Protein backbone atom coordinates (compact mmCIF):
# COMPACT_ATOMS: atom_id res chain seq x y z
CA MET A 1 18.39 -14.64 3.13
CA ALA A 2 16.18 -12.28 5.17
CA LYS A 3 14.47 -13.91 8.06
CA PHE A 4 11.26 -12.01 7.42
CA ASN A 5 9.46 -11.09 4.22
CA GLU A 6 6.17 -9.52 3.16
CA LYS A 7 4.53 -13.03 3.34
CA THR A 8 5.65 -13.59 6.95
CA THR A 9 2.54 -13.25 9.13
CA PHE A 10 2.70 -10.74 12.02
CA ALA A 11 2.17 -13.67 14.49
CA GLU A 12 5.53 -15.14 13.16
CA VAL A 13 7.17 -11.82 13.73
CA LEU A 14 6.01 -11.57 17.26
CA GLU A 15 7.07 -15.20 17.99
CA ALA A 16 10.64 -14.54 17.25
CA PRO A 17 12.57 -12.33 19.78
CA GLU A 18 14.34 -10.23 17.09
CA GLY A 19 10.80 -9.61 15.45
CA THR A 20 9.32 -8.52 18.69
CA GLU A 21 12.13 -6.19 19.49
CA VAL A 22 11.79 -4.35 16.04
CA ALA A 23 8.08 -4.36 16.38
CA ARG A 24 8.42 -2.71 19.82
CA LYS A 25 11.01 -0.22 18.56
CA HIS A 26 8.54 1.15 15.85
CA LEU A 27 5.20 0.48 17.32
CA GLY A 28 5.75 1.03 21.05
CA ASP A 29 2.58 0.78 23.06
CA LEU A 30 0.59 0.30 20.08
CA LEU A 31 1.53 -3.43 20.15
CA ASP A 32 -0.37 -3.77 23.21
CA ARG A 33 -3.60 -2.72 21.78
CA PRO A 34 -6.28 -5.18 20.84
CA SER A 35 -6.58 -3.78 17.35
CA VAL A 36 -3.04 -4.54 16.65
CA GLY A 37 -3.57 -8.09 18.13
CA MET A 38 -6.26 -8.68 15.69
CA MET A 39 -3.80 -8.12 12.92
CA LYS A 40 -1.49 -11.04 14.01
CA ASP A 41 -2.88 -13.49 11.13
CA LYS A 42 -2.15 -10.97 8.33
CA PRO A 43 1.18 -11.02 6.25
CA LEU A 44 3.31 -8.07 6.60
CA GLY A 45 2.64 -7.06 2.93
CA GLU A 46 -1.04 -6.89 3.70
CA LEU A 47 -0.63 -4.95 6.84
CA ARG A 48 1.51 -2.46 4.99
CA ASN A 49 -1.45 -1.75 2.81
CA MET A 50 -4.42 -1.94 5.31
CA ILE A 51 -3.36 0.79 7.70
CA PRO A 52 -5.38 3.86 6.95
CA LEU A 53 -4.03 6.54 9.37
CA PRO A 54 -0.69 8.22 7.84
CA PRO A 55 1.22 8.27 11.20
CA ILE A 56 0.61 4.85 12.06
CA LYS A 57 0.88 3.43 8.51
CA LYS A 58 4.46 5.18 8.60
CA LYS A 59 5.34 3.34 11.59
CA PHE A 60 4.15 -0.17 10.30
CA SER A 61 5.97 0.51 6.97
CA ALA A 62 9.37 1.33 8.74
CA MET A 63 8.91 -1.86 10.93
CA ILE A 64 8.19 -3.89 8.00
CA ASP A 65 11.17 -2.51 6.03
CA GLU A 66 13.70 -3.27 8.97
CA LEU A 67 12.15 -6.76 9.45
CA CYS A 68 12.73 -7.53 5.78
CA GLU A 69 16.26 -6.56 6.12
CA LEU A 70 17.19 -8.77 8.97
CA GLU A 71 19.28 -11.71 8.13
């Protein structure tokens, strides 16, 4: 069973070392921005749909896809 799913909050991802590693891989320095910090209580599925800018949305989608594949 996958460790993360679309109902997992971004905060739960960042609390797990492997989640932080995947987030940092896809988001890089974006992870340190206050605007991203404000998203911590959002489920991953909601994050996938709320990012308006295509380049950033693509990064979040790739991160979420990889997180949902982790065992």
